[in-house]
mmCIF file of all heavy atoms, coordinates in Angstrom:
data_MODEL
# 
_entry.id   MODEL 
# 
loop_
_atom_site.group_PDB 
_atom_site.id 
_atom_site.type_symbol 
_atom_site.label_atom_id 
_atom_site.label_alt_id 
_atom_site.label_comp_id 
_atom_site.label_asym_id 
_atom_site.label_entity_id 
_atom_site.label_seq_id 
_atom_site.pdbx_PDB_ins_code 
_atom_site.Cartn_x 
_atom_site.Cartn_y 
_atom_site.Cartn_z 
_atom_site.occupancy 
_atom_site.B_iso_or_equiv 
_atom_site.pdbx_formal_charge 
_atom_site.auth_seq_id 
_atom_site.auth_comp_id 
_atom_site.auth_asym_id 
_atom_site.auth_atom_id 
_atom_site.pdbx_PDB_model_num 
ATOM 1   N N   . ARG A 1 1  ? 124.475 52.927 91.798  1.00 0.00 ? 1  ARG A N   1 
ATOM 2   C CA  . ARG A 1 1  ? 123.414 52.586 92.736  1.00 0.00 ? 1  ARG A CA  1 
ATOM 3   C C   . ARG A 1 1  ? 123.779 51.386 93.596  1.00 0.00 ? 1  ARG A C   1 
ATOM 4   O O   . ARG A 1 1  ? 122.897 50.727 94.155  1.00 0.00 ? 1  ARG A O   1 
ATOM 5   C CB  . ARG A 1 1  ? 122.122 52.307 91.968  1.00 0.00 ? 1  ARG A CB  1 
ATOM 6   C CG  . ARG A 1 1  ? 121.581 53.483 91.160  1.00 0.00 ? 1  ARG A CG  1 
ATOM 7   C CD  . ARG A 1 1  ? 121.321 54.689 92.052  1.00 0.00 ? 1  ARG A CD  1 
ATOM 8   N NE  . ARG A 1 1  ? 120.346 54.421 93.081  1.00 0.00 ? 1  ARG A NE  1 
ATOM 9   C CZ  . ARG A 1 1  ? 119.053 54.679 92.952  1.00 0.00 ? 1  ARG A CZ  1 
ATOM 10  N NH1 . ARG A 1 1  ? 118.595 55.226 91.837  1.00 0.00 ? 1  ARG A NH1 1 
ATOM 11  N NH2 . ARG A 1 1  ? 118.218 54.414 93.936  1.00 0.00 ? 1  ARG A NH2 1 
ATOM 12  N N   . ASP A 1 2  ? 125.092 51.072 93.654  1.00 0.00 ? 2  ASP A N   1 
ATOM 13  C CA  . ASP A 1 2  ? 125.499 49.938 94.481  1.00 0.00 ? 2  ASP A CA  1 
ATOM 14  C C   . ASP A 1 2  ? 125.223 50.204 95.958  1.00 0.00 ? 2  ASP A C   1 
ATOM 15  O O   . ASP A 1 2  ? 125.010 49.283 96.740  1.00 0.00 ? 2  ASP A O   1 
ATOM 16  C CB  . ASP A 1 2  ? 126.982 49.630 94.262  1.00 0.00 ? 2  ASP A CB  1 
ATOM 17  C CG  . ASP A 1 2  ? 127.859 50.860 94.422  1.00 0.00 ? 2  ASP A CG  1 
ATOM 18  O OD1 . ASP A 1 2  ? 127.383 51.958 94.084  1.00 0.00 ? 2  ASP A OD1 1 
ATOM 19  O OD2 . ASP A 1 2  ? 129.001 50.719 94.867  1.00 0.00 ? 2  ASP A OD2 1 
ATOM 20  N N   . LYS A 1 3  ? 125.231 51.482 96.341  1.00 0.00 ? 3  LYS A N   1 
ATOM 21  C CA  . LYS A 1 3  ? 124.845 51.876 97.687  1.00 0.00 ? 3  LYS A CA  1 
ATOM 22  C C   . LYS A 1 3  ? 123.759 52.943 97.584  1.00 0.00 ? 3  LYS A C   1 
ATOM 23  O O   . LYS A 1 3  ? 123.767 53.756 96.651  1.00 0.00 ? 3  LYS A O   1 
ATOM 24  C CB  . LYS A 1 3  ? 126.053 52.414 98.461  1.00 0.00 ? 3  LYS A CB  1 
ATOM 25  C CG  . LYS A 1 3  ? 127.090 51.357 98.796  1.00 0.00 ? 3  LYS A CG  1 
ATOM 26  C CD  . LYS A 1 3  ? 128.196 51.949 99.653  1.00 0.00 ? 3  LYS A CD  1 
ATOM 27  C CE  . LYS A 1 3  ? 129.226 50.881 100.006 1.00 0.00 ? 3  LYS A CE  1 
ATOM 28  N NZ  . LYS A 1 3  ? 130.321 51.433 100.848 1.00 0.00 ? 3  LYS A NZ  1 
ATOM 29  N N   . PRO A 1 4  ? 122.812 52.955 98.525  1.00 0.00 ? 4  PRO A N   1 
ATOM 30  C CA  . PRO A 1 4  ? 121.724 53.949 98.457  1.00 0.00 ? 4  PRO A CA  1 
ATOM 31  C C   . PRO A 1 4  ? 122.264 55.370 98.469  1.00 0.00 ? 4  PRO A C   1 
ATOM 32  O O   . PRO A 1 4  ? 123.234 55.675 99.164  1.00 0.00 ? 4  PRO A O   1 
ATOM 33  C CB  . PRO A 1 4  ? 120.904 53.645 99.722  1.00 0.00 ? 4  PRO A CB  1 
ATOM 34  C CG  . PRO A 1 4  ? 121.253 52.247 100.094 1.00 0.00 ? 4  PRO A CG  1 
ATOM 35  C CD  . PRO A 1 4  ? 122.678 52.045 99.673  1.00 0.00 ? 4  PRO A CD  1 
ATOM 36  N N   . VAL A 1 5  ? 121.611 56.219 97.696  1.00 0.00 ? 5  VAL A N   1 
ATOM 37  C CA  . VAL A 1 5  ? 121.978 57.635 97.690  1.00 0.00 ? 5  VAL A CA  1 
ATOM 38  C C   . VAL A 1 5  ? 121.529 58.254 99.007  1.00 0.00 ? 5  VAL A C   1 
ATOM 39  O O   . VAL A 1 5  ? 120.351 58.140 99.379  1.00 0.00 ? 5  VAL A O   1 
ATOM 40  C CB  . VAL A 1 5  ? 121.341 58.375 96.499  1.00 0.00 ? 5  VAL A CB  1 
ATOM 41  C CG1 . VAL A 1 5  ? 121.745 59.846 96.498  1.00 0.00 ? 5  VAL A CG1 1 
ATOM 42  C CG2 . VAL A 1 5  ? 121.730 57.716 95.188  1.00 0.00 ? 5  VAL A CG2 1 
ATOM 43  N N   . PRO A 1 6  ? 122.424 58.897 99.753  1.00 0.00 ? 6  PRO A N   1 
ATOM 44  C CA  . PRO A 1 6  ? 122.042 59.476 101.048 1.00 0.00 ? 6  PRO A CA  1 
ATOM 45  C C   . PRO A 1 6  ? 120.916 60.495 100.905 1.00 0.00 ? 6  PRO A C   1 
ATOM 46  O O   . PRO A 1 6  ? 120.821 61.217 99.911  1.00 0.00 ? 6  PRO A O   1 
ATOM 47  C CB  . PRO A 1 6  ? 123.333 60.152 101.531 1.00 0.00 ? 6  PRO A CB  1 
ATOM 48  C CG  . PRO A 1 6  ? 124.429 59.456 100.804 1.00 0.00 ? 6  PRO A CG  1 
ATOM 49  C CD  . PRO A 1 6  ? 123.860 59.077 99.474  1.00 0.00 ? 6  PRO A CD  1 
ATOM 50  N N   . ARG A 1 7  ? 120.096 60.546 101.903 1.00 0.00 ? 7  ARG A N   1 
ATOM 51  C CA  . ARG A 1 7  ? 118.984 61.490 101.901 1.00 0.00 ? 7  ARG A CA  1 
ATOM 52  C C   . ARG A 1 7  ? 119.474 62.929 101.844 1.00 0.00 ? 7  ARG A C   1 
ATOM 53  O O   . ARG A 1 7  ? 118.832 63.791 101.238 1.00 0.00 ? 7  ARG A O   1 
ATOM 54  C CB  . ARG A 1 7  ? 118.131 61.264 103.165 1.00 0.00 ? 7  ARG A CB  1 
ATOM 55  C CG  . ARG A 1 7  ? 116.864 62.115 103.205 1.00 0.00 ? 7  ARG A CG  1 
ATOM 56  C CD  . ARG A 1 7  ? 116.074 61.839 104.476 1.00 0.00 ? 7  ARG A CD  1 
ATOM 57  N NE  . ARG A 1 7  ? 114.853 62.642 104.515 1.00 0.00 ? 7  ARG A NE  1 
ATOM 58  C CZ  . ARG A 1 7  ? 114.010 62.661 105.542 1.00 0.00 ? 7  ARG A CZ  1 
ATOM 59  N NH1 . ARG A 1 7  ? 114.274 61.895 106.612 1.00 0.00 ? 7  ARG A NH1 1 
ATOM 60  N NH2 . ARG A 1 7  ? 112.947 63.427 105.520 1.00 0.00 ? 7  ARG A NH2 1 
ATOM 61  N N   . ALA A 1 8  ? 120.622 63.172 102.465 1.00 0.00 ? 8  ALA A N   1 
ATOM 62  C CA  . ALA A 1 8  ? 121.162 64.532 102.456 1.00 0.00 ? 8  ALA A CA  1 
ATOM 63  C C   . ALA A 1 8  ? 121.435 65.018 101.041 1.00 0.00 ? 8  ALA A C   1 
ATOM 64  O O   . ALA A 1 8  ? 121.258 66.208 100.738 1.00 0.00 ? 8  ALA A O   1 
ATOM 65  C CB  . ALA A 1 8  ? 122.449 64.579 103.288 1.00 0.00 ? 8  ALA A CB  1 
ATOM 66  N N   . LEU A 1 9  ? 121.863 64.115 100.146 1.00 0.00 ? 9  LEU A N   1 
ATOM 67  C CA  . LEU A 1 9  ? 122.106 64.507 98.761  1.00 0.00 ? 9  LEU A CA  1 
ATOM 68  C C   . LEU A 1 9  ? 120.797 64.870 98.065  1.00 0.00 ? 9  LEU A C   1 
ATOM 69  O O   . LEU A 1 9  ? 120.745 65.823 97.279  1.00 0.00 ? 9  LEU A O   1 
ATOM 70  C CB  . LEU A 1 9  ? 122.800 63.372 98.004  1.00 0.00 ? 9  LEU A CB  1 
ATOM 71  C CG  . LEU A 1 9  ? 124.290 63.156 98.294  1.00 0.00 ? 9  LEU A CG  1 
ATOM 72  C CD1 . LEU A 1 9  ? 124.844 62.057 97.387  1.00 0.00 ? 9  LEU A CD1 1 
ATOM 73  C CD2 . LEU A 1 9  ? 125.086 64.430 98.105  1.00 0.00 ? 9  LEU A CD2 1 
ATOM 74  N N   . HIS A 1 10 ? 119.732 64.112 98.337  1.00 0.00 ? 10 HIS A N   1 
ATOM 75  C CA  . HIS A 1 10 ? 118.428 64.433 97.747  1.00 0.00 ? 10 HIS A CA  1 
ATOM 76  C C   . HIS A 1 10 ? 117.957 65.813 98.205  1.00 0.00 ? 10 HIS A C   1 
ATOM 77  O O   . HIS A 1 10 ? 117.446 66.621 97.406  1.00 0.00 ? 10 HIS A O   1 
ATOM 78  C CB  . HIS A 1 10 ? 117.392 63.373 98.129  1.00 0.00 ? 10 HIS A CB  1 
ATOM 79  C CG  . HIS A 1 10 ? 117.655 62.015 97.562  1.00 0.00 ? 10 HIS A CG  1 
ATOM 80  N ND1 . HIS A 1 10 ? 117.879 61.803 96.216  1.00 0.00 ? 10 HIS A ND1 1 
ATOM 81  C CD2 . HIS A 1 10 ? 117.733 60.797 98.160  1.00 0.00 ? 10 HIS A CD2 1 
ATOM 82  C CE1 . HIS A 1 10 ? 118.069 60.507 95.997  1.00 0.00 ? 10 HIS A CE1 1 
ATOM 83  N NE2 . HIS A 1 10 ? 117.985 59.872 97.158  1.00 0.00 ? 10 HIS A NE2 1 
ATOM 84  N N   . ILE A 1 11 ? 118.113 66.078 99.496  1.00 0.00 ? 11 ILE A N   1 
ATOM 85  C CA  . ILE A 1 11 ? 117.675 67.373 100.033 1.00 0.00 ? 11 ILE A CA  1 
ATOM 86  C C   . ILE A 1 11 ? 118.497 68.507 99.431  1.00 0.00 ? 11 ILE A C   1 
ATOM 87  O O   . ILE A 1 11 ? 117.954 69.540 99.026  1.00 0.00 ? 11 ILE A O   1 
ATOM 88  C CB  . ILE A 1 11 ? 117.783 67.368 101.570 1.00 0.00 ? 11 ILE A CB  1 
ATOM 89  C CG1 . ILE A 1 11 ? 116.816 66.346 102.170 1.00 0.00 ? 11 ILE A CG1 1 
ATOM 90  C CG2 . ILE A 1 11 ? 117.494 68.768 102.124 1.00 0.00 ? 11 ILE A CG2 1 
ATOM 91  C CD1 . ILE A 1 11 ? 116.952 66.183 103.673 1.00 0.00 ? 11 ILE A CD1 1 
ATOM 92  N N   . MET A 1 12 ? 119.821 68.306 99.366  1.00 0.00 ? 12 MET A N   1 
ATOM 93  C CA  . MET A 1 12 ? 120.689 69.327 98.798  1.00 0.00 ? 12 MET A CA  1 
ATOM 94  C C   . MET A 1 12 ? 120.327 69.590 97.345  1.00 0.00 ? 12 MET A C   1 
ATOM 95  O O   . MET A 1 12 ? 120.293 70.753 96.899  1.00 0.00 ? 12 MET A O   1 
ATOM 96  C CB  . MET A 1 12 ? 122.153 68.893 98.896  1.00 0.00 ? 12 MET A CB  1 
ATOM 97  C CG  . MET A 1 12 ? 123.155 69.909 98.355  1.00 0.00 ? 12 MET A CG  1 
ATOM 98  S SD  . MET A 1 12 ? 123.293 71.399 99.355  1.00 0.00 ? 12 MET A SD  1 
ATOM 99  C CE  . MET A 1 12 ? 124.222 70.751 100.761 1.00 0.00 ? 12 MET A CE  1 
ATOM 100 N N   . CYS A 1 13 ? 120.043 68.536 96.593  1.00 0.00 ? 13 CYS A N   1 
ATOM 101 C CA  . CYS A 1 13 ? 119.652 68.698 95.191  1.00 0.00 ? 13 CYS A CA  1 
ATOM 102 C C   . CYS A 1 13 ? 118.363 69.508 95.072  1.00 0.00 ? 13 CYS A C   1 
ATOM 103 O O   . CYS A 1 13 ? 118.254 70.401 94.231  1.00 0.00 ? 13 CYS A O   1 
ATOM 104 C CB  . CYS A 1 13 ? 119.487 67.326 94.540  1.00 0.00 ? 13 CYS A CB  1 
ATOM 105 S SG  . CYS A 1 13 ? 118.988 67.405 92.806  1.00 0.00 ? 13 CYS A SG  1 
ATOM 106 N N   . GLY A 1 14 ? 117.376 69.203 95.940  1.00 0.00 ? 14 GLY A N   1 
ATOM 107 C CA  . GLY A 1 14 ? 116.109 69.932 95.883  1.00 0.00 ? 14 GLY A CA  1 
ATOM 108 C C   . GLY A 1 14 ? 116.283 71.409 96.184  1.00 0.00 ? 14 GLY A C   1 
ATOM 109 O O   . GLY A 1 14 ? 115.722 72.277 95.496  1.00 0.00 ? 14 GLY A O   1 
ATOM 110 N N   . VAL A 1 15 ? 117.086 71.714 97.213  1.00 0.00 ? 15 VAL A N   1 
ATOM 111 C CA  . VAL A 1 15 ? 117.291 73.119 97.597  1.00 0.00 ? 15 VAL A CA  1 
ATOM 112 C C   . VAL A 1 15 ? 118.020 73.880 96.499  1.00 0.00 ? 15 VAL A C   1 
ATOM 113 O O   . VAL A 1 15 ? 117.619 74.992 96.109  1.00 0.00 ? 15 VAL A O   1 
ATOM 114 C CB  . VAL A 1 15 ? 118.072 73.195 98.921  1.00 0.00 ? 15 VAL A CB  1 
ATOM 115 C CG1 . VAL A 1 15 ? 118.428 74.637 99.243  1.00 0.00 ? 15 VAL A CG1 1 
ATOM 116 C CG2 . VAL A 1 15 ? 117.257 72.595 100.058 1.00 0.00 ? 15 VAL A CG2 1 
ATOM 117 N N   . LEU A 1 16 ? 119.098 73.293 95.961  1.00 0.00 ? 16 LEU A N   1 
ATOM 118 C CA  . LEU A 1 16 ? 119.856 73.958 94.901  1.00 0.00 ? 16 LEU A CA  1 
ATOM 119 C C   . LEU A 1 16 ? 119.022 74.094 93.629  1.00 0.00 ? 16 LEU A C   1 
ATOM 120 O O   . LEU A 1 16 ? 119.168 75.073 92.887  1.00 0.00 ? 16 LEU A O   1 
ATOM 121 C CB  . LEU A 1 16 ? 121.147 73.192 94.616  1.00 0.00 ? 16 LEU A CB  1 
ATOM 122 C CG  . LEU A 1 16 ? 122.224 73.265 95.701  1.00 0.00 ? 16 LEU A CG  1 
ATOM 123 C CD1 . LEU A 1 16 ? 123.437 72.426 95.311  1.00 0.00 ? 16 LEU A CD1 1 
ATOM 124 C CD2 . LEU A 1 16 ? 122.649 74.706 95.965  1.00 0.00 ? 16 LEU A CD2 1 
ATOM 125 N N   . ALA A 1 17 ? 118.160 73.109 93.367  1.00 0.00 ? 17 ALA A N   1 
ATOM 126 C CA  . ALA A 1 17 ? 117.292 73.193 92.178  1.00 0.00 ? 17 ALA A CA  1 
ATOM 127 C C   . ALA A 1 17 ? 116.326 74.364 92.299  1.00 0.00 ? 17 ALA A C   1 
ATOM 128 O O   . ALA A 1 17 ? 116.081 75.095 91.322  1.00 0.00 ? 17 ALA A O   1 
ATOM 129 C CB  . ALA A 1 17 ? 116.532 71.884 91.991  1.00 0.00 ? 17 ALA A CB  1 
ATOM 130 N N   . VAL A 1 18 ? 115.766 74.565 93.498  1.00 0.00 ? 18 VAL A N   1 
ATOM 131 C CA  . VAL A 1 18 ? 114.840 75.692 93.711  1.00 0.00 ? 18 VAL A CA  1 
ATOM 132 C C   . VAL A 1 18 ? 115.572 77.019 93.548  1.00 0.00 ? 18 VAL A C   1 
ATOM 133 O O   . VAL A 1 18 ? 115.077 77.953 92.898  1.00 0.00 ? 18 VAL A O   1 
ATOM 134 C CB  . VAL A 1 18 ? 114.195 75.595 95.109  1.00 0.00 ? 18 VAL A CB  1 
ATOM 135 C CG1 . VAL A 1 18 ? 113.434 76.871 95.434  1.00 0.00 ? 18 VAL A CG1 1 
ATOM 136 C CG2 . VAL A 1 18 ? 113.259 74.397 95.176  1.00 0.00 ? 18 VAL A CG2 1 
ATOM 137 N N   . LEU A 1 19 ? 116.760 77.123 94.115  1.00 0.00 ? 19 LEU A N   1 
ATOM 138 C CA  . LEU A 1 19 ? 117.543 78.357 94.006  1.00 0.00 ? 19 LEU A CA  1 
ATOM 139 C C   . LEU A 1 19 ? 117.954 78.621 92.561  1.00 0.00 ? 19 LEU A C   1 
ATOM 140 O O   . LEU A 1 19 ? 117.955 79.768 92.100  1.00 0.00 ? 19 LEU A O   1 
ATOM 141 C CB  . LEU A 1 19 ? 118.779 78.269 94.904  1.00 0.00 ? 19 LEU A CB  1 
ATOM 142 C CG  . LEU A 1 19 ? 118.503 78.256 96.405  1.00 0.00 ? 19 LEU A CG  1 
ATOM 143 C CD1 . LEU A 1 19 ? 119.771 77.946 97.186  1.00 0.00 ? 19 LEU A CD1 1 
ATOM 144 C CD2 . LEU A 1 19 ? 117.897 79.572 96.867  1.00 0.00 ? 19 LEU A CD2 1 
ATOM 145 N N   . THR A 1 20 ? 118.300 77.559 91.839  1.00 0.00 ? 20 THR A N   1 
ATOM 146 C CA  . THR A 1 20 ? 118.650 77.713 90.423  1.00 0.00 ? 20 THR A CA  1 
ATOM 147 C C   . THR A 1 20 ? 117.442 78.181 89.622  1.00 0.00 ? 20 THR A C   1 
ATOM 148 O O   . THR A 1 20 ? 117.556 79.046 88.744  1.00 0.00 ? 20 THR A O   1 
ATOM 149 C CB  . THR A 1 20 ? 119.174 76.391 89.858  1.00 0.00 ? 20 THR A CB  1 
ATOM 150 O OG1 . THR A 1 20 ? 120.326 75.967 90.597  1.00 0.00 ? 20 THR A OG1 1 
ATOM 151 C CG2 . THR A 1 20 ? 119.557 76.543 88.398  1.00 0.00 ? 20 THR A CG2 1 
ATOM 152 N N   . ALA A 1 21 ? 116.267 77.607 89.929  1.00 0.00 ? 21 ALA A N   1 
ATOM 153 C CA  . ALA A 1 21 ? 115.050 78.006 89.217  1.00 0.00 ? 21 ALA A CA  1 
ATOM 154 C C   . ALA A 1 21 ? 114.726 79.473 89.462  1.00 0.00 ? 21 ALA A C   1 
ATOM 155 O O   . ALA A 1 21 ? 114.317 80.195 88.541  1.00 0.00 ? 21 ALA A O   1 
ATOM 156 C CB  . ALA A 1 21 ? 113.876 77.120 89.666  1.00 0.00 ? 21 ALA A CB  1 
ATOM 157 N N   . PHE A 1 22 ? 114.934 79.939 90.696  1.00 0.00 ? 22 PHE A N   1 
ATOM 158 C CA  . PHE A 1 22 ? 114.718 81.358 90.989  1.00 0.00 ? 22 PHE A CA  1 
ATOM 159 C C   . PHE A 1 22 ? 115.694 82.223 90.203  1.00 0.00 ? 22 PHE A C   1 
ATOM 160 O O   . PHE A 1 22 ? 115.325 83.284 89.690  1.00 0.00 ? 22 PHE A O   1 
ATOM 161 C CB  . PHE A 1 22 ? 114.873 81.616 92.488  1.00 0.00 ? 22 PHE A CB  1 
ATOM 162 C CG  . PHE A 1 22 ? 114.720 83.064 92.857  1.00 0.00 ? 22 PHE A CG  1 
ATOM 163 C CD1 . PHE A 1 22 ? 113.464 83.637 92.965  1.00 0.00 ? 22 PHE A CD1 1 
ATOM 164 C CD2 . PHE A 1 22 ? 115.830 83.863 93.088  1.00 0.00 ? 22 PHE A CD2 1 
ATOM 165 C CE1 . PHE A 1 22 ? 113.316 84.979 93.290  1.00 0.00 ? 22 PHE A CE1 1 
ATOM 166 C CE2 . PHE A 1 22 ? 115.698 85.197 93.421  1.00 0.00 ? 22 PHE A CE2 1 
ATOM 167 C CZ  . PHE A 1 22 ? 114.435 85.763 93.531  1.00 0.00 ? 22 PHE A CZ  1 
ATOM 168 N N   . ARG A 1 23 ? 116.929 81.771 90.121  1.00 0.00 ? 23 ARG A N   1 
ATOM 169 C CA  . ARG A 1 23 ? 117.942 82.498 89.356  1.00 0.00 ? 23 ARG A CA  1 
ATOM 170 C C   . ARG A 1 23 ? 117.539 82.608 87.892  1.00 0.00 ? 23 ARG A C   1 
ATOM 171 O O   . ARG A 1 23 ? 117.686 83.668 87.276  1.00 0.00 ? 23 ARG A O   1 
ATOM 172 C CB  . ARG A 1 23 ? 119.272 81.764 89.496  1.00 0.00 ? 23 ARG A CB  1 
ATOM 173 C CG  . ARG A 1 23 ? 120.435 82.336 88.731  1.00 0.00 ? 23 ARG A CG  1 
ATOM 174 C CD  . ARG A 1 23 ? 121.663 81.472 88.986  1.00 0.00 ? 23 ARG A CD  1 
ATOM 175 N NE  . ARG A 1 23 ? 122.801 81.889 88.178  1.00 0.00 ? 23 ARG A NE  1 
ATOM 176 C CZ  . ARG A 1 23 ? 123.982 81.281 88.195  1.00 0.00 ? 23 ARG A CZ  1 
ATOM 177 N NH1 . ARG A 1 23 ? 124.170 80.241 88.995  1.00 0.00 ? 23 ARG A NH1 1 
ATOM 178 N NH2 . ARG A 1 23 ? 124.970 81.710 87.428  1.00 0.00 ? 23 ARG A NH2 1 
ATOM 179 N N   . VAL A 1 24 ? 117.028 81.523 87.334  1.00 0.00 ? 24 VAL A N   1 
ATOM 180 C CA  . VAL A 1 24 ? 116.595 81.538 85.936  1.00 0.00 ? 24 VAL A CA  1 
ATOM 181 C C   . VAL A 1 24 ? 115.412 82.476 85.751  1.00 0.00 ? 24 VAL A C   1 
ATOM 182 O O   . VAL A 1 24 ? 115.343 83.251 84.790  1.00 0.00 ? 24 VAL A O   1 
ATOM 183 C CB  . VAL A 1 24 ? 116.229 80.109 85.484  1.00 0.00 ? 24 VAL A CB  1 
ATOM 184 C CG1 . VAL A 1 24 ? 115.647 80.123 84.073  1.00 0.00 ? 24 VAL A CG1 1 
ATOM 185 C CG2 . VAL A 1 24 ? 117.455 79.202 85.536  1.00 0.00 ? 24 VAL A CG2 1 
ATOM 186 N N   . TYR A 1 25 ? 114.466 82.428 86.681  1.00 0.00 ? 25 TYR A N   1 
ATOM 187 C CA  . TYR A 1 25 ? 113.256 83.251 86.575  1.00 0.00 ? 25 TYR A CA  1 
ATOM 188 C C   . TYR A 1 25 ? 113.557 84.735 86.768  1.00 0.00 ? 25 TYR A C   1 
ATOM 189 O O   . TYR A 1 25 ? 113.083 85.577 86.010  1.00 0.00 ? 25 TYR A O   1 
ATOM 190 C CB  . TYR A 1 25 ? 112.235 82.796 87.617  1.00 0.00 ? 25 TYR A CB  1 
ATOM 191 C CG  . TYR A 1 25 ? 111.025 83.698 87.723  1.00 0.00 ? 25 TYR A CG  1 
ATOM 192 C CD1 . TYR A 1 25 ? 110.001 83.622 86.790  1.00 0.00 ? 25 TYR A CD1 1 
ATOM 193 C CD2 . TYR A 1 25 ? 110.921 84.630 88.747  1.00 0.00 ? 25 TYR A CD2 1 
ATOM 194 C CE1 . TYR A 1 25 ? 108.892 84.445 86.882  1.00 0.00 ? 25 TYR A CE1 1 
ATOM 195 C CE2 . TYR A 1 25 ? 109.820 85.465 88.851  1.00 0.00 ? 25 TYR A CE2 1 
ATOM 196 C CZ  . TYR A 1 25 ? 108.813 85.366 87.913  1.00 0.00 ? 25 TYR A CZ  1 
ATOM 197 O OH  . TYR A 1 25 ? 107.731 86.190 87.997  1.00 0.00 ? 25 TYR A OH  1 
ATOM 198 N N   . ALA A 1 26 ? 114.368 85.042 87.789  1.00 0.00 ? 26 ALA A N   1 
ATOM 199 C CA  . ALA A 1 26 ? 114.581 86.439 88.148  1.00 0.00 ? 26 ALA A CA  1 
ATOM 200 C C   . ALA A 1 26 ? 115.435 87.178 87.136  1.00 0.00 ? 26 ALA A C   1 
ATOM 201 O O   . ALA A 1 26 ? 115.181 88.347 86.825  1.00 0.00 ? 26 ALA A O   1 
ATOM 202 C CB  . ALA A 1 26 ? 115.222 86.523 89.546  1.00 0.00 ? 26 ALA A CB  1 
ATOM 203 N N   . TRP A 1 27 ? 116.477 86.507 86.600  1.00 0.00 ? 27 TRP A N   1 
ATOM 204 C CA  . TRP A 1 27 ? 117.418 87.197 85.723  1.00 0.00 ? 27 TRP A CA  1 
ATOM 205 C C   . TRP A 1 27 ? 117.489 86.587 84.324  1.00 0.00 ? 27 TRP A C   1 
ATOM 206 O O   . TRP A 1 27 ? 118.395 86.917 83.557  1.00 0.00 ? 27 TRP A O   1 
ATOM 207 C CB  . TRP A 1 27 ? 118.817 87.194 86.345  1.00 0.00 ? 27 TRP A CB  1 
ATOM 208 C CG  . TRP A 1 27 ? 118.868 87.987 87.607  1.00 0.00 ? 27 TRP A CG  1 
ATOM 209 C CD1 . TRP A 1 27 ? 118.742 89.332 87.740  1.00 0.00 ? 27 TRP A CD1 1 
ATOM 210 C CD2 . TRP A 1 27 ? 119.044 87.469 88.928  1.00 0.00 ? 27 TRP A CD2 1 
ATOM 211 N NE1 . TRP A 1 27 ? 118.835 89.697 89.051  1.00 0.00 ? 27 TRP A NE1 1 
ATOM 212 C CE2 . TRP A 1 27 ? 119.023 88.574 89.812  1.00 0.00 ? 27 TRP A CE2 1 
ATOM 213 C CE3 . TRP A 1 27 ? 119.219 86.187 89.458  1.00 0.00 ? 27 TRP A CE3 1 
ATOM 214 C CZ2 . TRP A 1 27 ? 119.163 88.424 91.183  1.00 0.00 ? 27 TRP A CZ2 1 
ATOM 215 C CZ3 . TRP A 1 27 ? 119.369 86.046 90.830  1.00 0.00 ? 27 TRP A CZ3 1 
ATOM 216 C CH2 . TRP A 1 27 ? 119.334 87.153 91.668  1.00 0.00 ? 27 TRP A CH2 1 
ATOM 217 N N   . SER A 1 28 ? 116.573 85.684 84.021  1.00 0.00 ? 28 SER A N   1 
ATOM 218 C CA  . SER A 1 28 ? 116.540 85.031 82.700  1.00 0.00 ? 28 SER A CA  1 
ATOM 219 C C   . SER A 1 28 ? 117.881 84.392 82.353  1.00 0.00 ? 28 SER A C   1 
ATOM 220 O O   . SER A 1 28 ? 118.335 84.451 81.201  1.00 0.00 ? 28 SER A O   1 
ATOM 221 C CB  . SER A 1 28 ? 116.153 86.048 81.611  1.00 0.00 ? 28 SER A CB  1 
ATOM 222 O OG  . SER A 1 28 ? 114.868 86.562 81.842  1.00 0.00 ? 28 SER A OG  1 
ATOM 223 N N   . GLU A 1 29 ? 118.533 83.788 83.351  1.00 0.00 ? 29 GLU A N   1 
ATOM 224 C CA  . GLU A 1 29 ? 119.797 83.113 83.110  1.00 0.00 ? 29 GLU A CA  1 
ATOM 225 C C   . GLU A 1 29 ? 119.517 81.698 82.604  1.00 0.00 ? 29 GLU A C   1 
ATOM 226 O O   . GLU A 1 29 ? 119.552 80.713 83.353  1.00 0.00 ? 29 GLU A O   1 
ATOM 227 C CB  . GLU A 1 29 ? 120.643 83.090 84.391  1.00 0.00 ? 29 GLU A CB  1 
ATOM 228 C CG  . GLU A 1 29 ? 121.134 84.462 84.793  1.00 0.00 ? 29 GLU A CG  1 
ATOM 229 C CD  . GLU A 1 29 ? 122.220 84.386 85.858  1.00 0.00 ? 29 GLU A CD  1 
ATOM 230 O OE1 . GLU A 1 29 ? 122.701 83.288 86.150  1.00 0.00 ? 29 GLU A OE1 1 
ATOM 231 O OE2 . GLU A 1 29 ? 122.578 85.440 86.401  1.00 0.00 ? 29 GLU A OE2 1 
ATOM 232 N N   . ARG A 1 30 ? 119.262 81.612 81.320  1.00 0.00 ? 30 ARG A N   1 
ATOM 233 C CA  . ARG A 1 30 ? 118.851 80.337 80.720  1.00 0.00 ? 30 ARG A CA  1 
ATOM 234 C C   . ARG A 1 30 ? 119.927 79.262 80.870  1.00 0.00 ? 30 ARG A C   1 
ATOM 235 O O   . ARG A 1 30 ? 119.628 78.085 81.030  1.00 0.00 ? 30 ARG A O   1 
ATOM 236 C CB  . ARG A 1 30 ? 118.540 80.556 79.237  1.00 0.00 ? 30 ARG A CB  1 
ATOM 237 C CG  . ARG A 1 30 ? 117.377 81.506 78.995  1.00 0.00 ? 30 ARG A CG  1 
ATOM 238 C CD  . ARG A 1 30 ? 117.218 81.794 77.514  1.00 0.00 ? 30 ARG A CD  1 
ATOM 239 N NE  . ARG A 1 30 ? 118.333 82.574 76.999  1.00 0.00 ? 30 ARG A NE  1 
ATOM 240 C CZ  . ARG A 1 30 ? 118.347 83.901 76.932  1.00 0.00 ? 30 ARG A CZ  1 
ATOM 241 N NH1 . ARG A 1 30 ? 117.309 84.585 77.367  1.00 0.00 ? 30 ARG A NH1 1 
ATOM 242 N NH2 . ARG A 1 30 ? 119.383 84.543 76.455  1.00 0.00 ? 30 ARG A NH2 1 
ATOM 243 N N   . LEU A 1 31 ? 121.186 79.683 80.830  1.00 0.00 ? 31 LEU A N   1 
ATOM 244 C CA  . LEU A 1 31 ? 122.275 78.717 80.897  1.00 0.00 ? 31 LEU A CA  1 
ATOM 245 C C   . LEU A 1 31 ? 122.300 77.991 82.237  1.00 0.00 ? 31 LEU A C   1 
ATOM 246 O O   . LEU A 1 31 ? 122.698 76.828 82.310  1.00 0.00 ? 31 LEU A O   1 
ATOM 247 C CB  . LEU A 1 31 ? 123.613 79.423 80.664  1.00 0.00 ? 31 LEU A CB  1 
ATOM 248 C CG  . LEU A 1 31 ? 124.854 78.530 80.601  1.00 0.00 ? 31 LEU A CG  1 
ATOM 249 C CD1 . LEU A 1 31 ? 124.719 77.499 79.506  1.00 0.00 ? 31 LEU A CD1 1 
ATOM 250 C CD2 . LEU A 1 31 ? 126.109 79.372 80.398  1.00 0.00 ? 31 LEU A CD2 1 
# 
């Protein structure tokens, strides 16, 4: 945290998290 985390990383994390959650829900990919 010596330098602020760029906003782009936060946005990318949110988008990938949503897509991962859909993957888990749709195909029960628990891993």
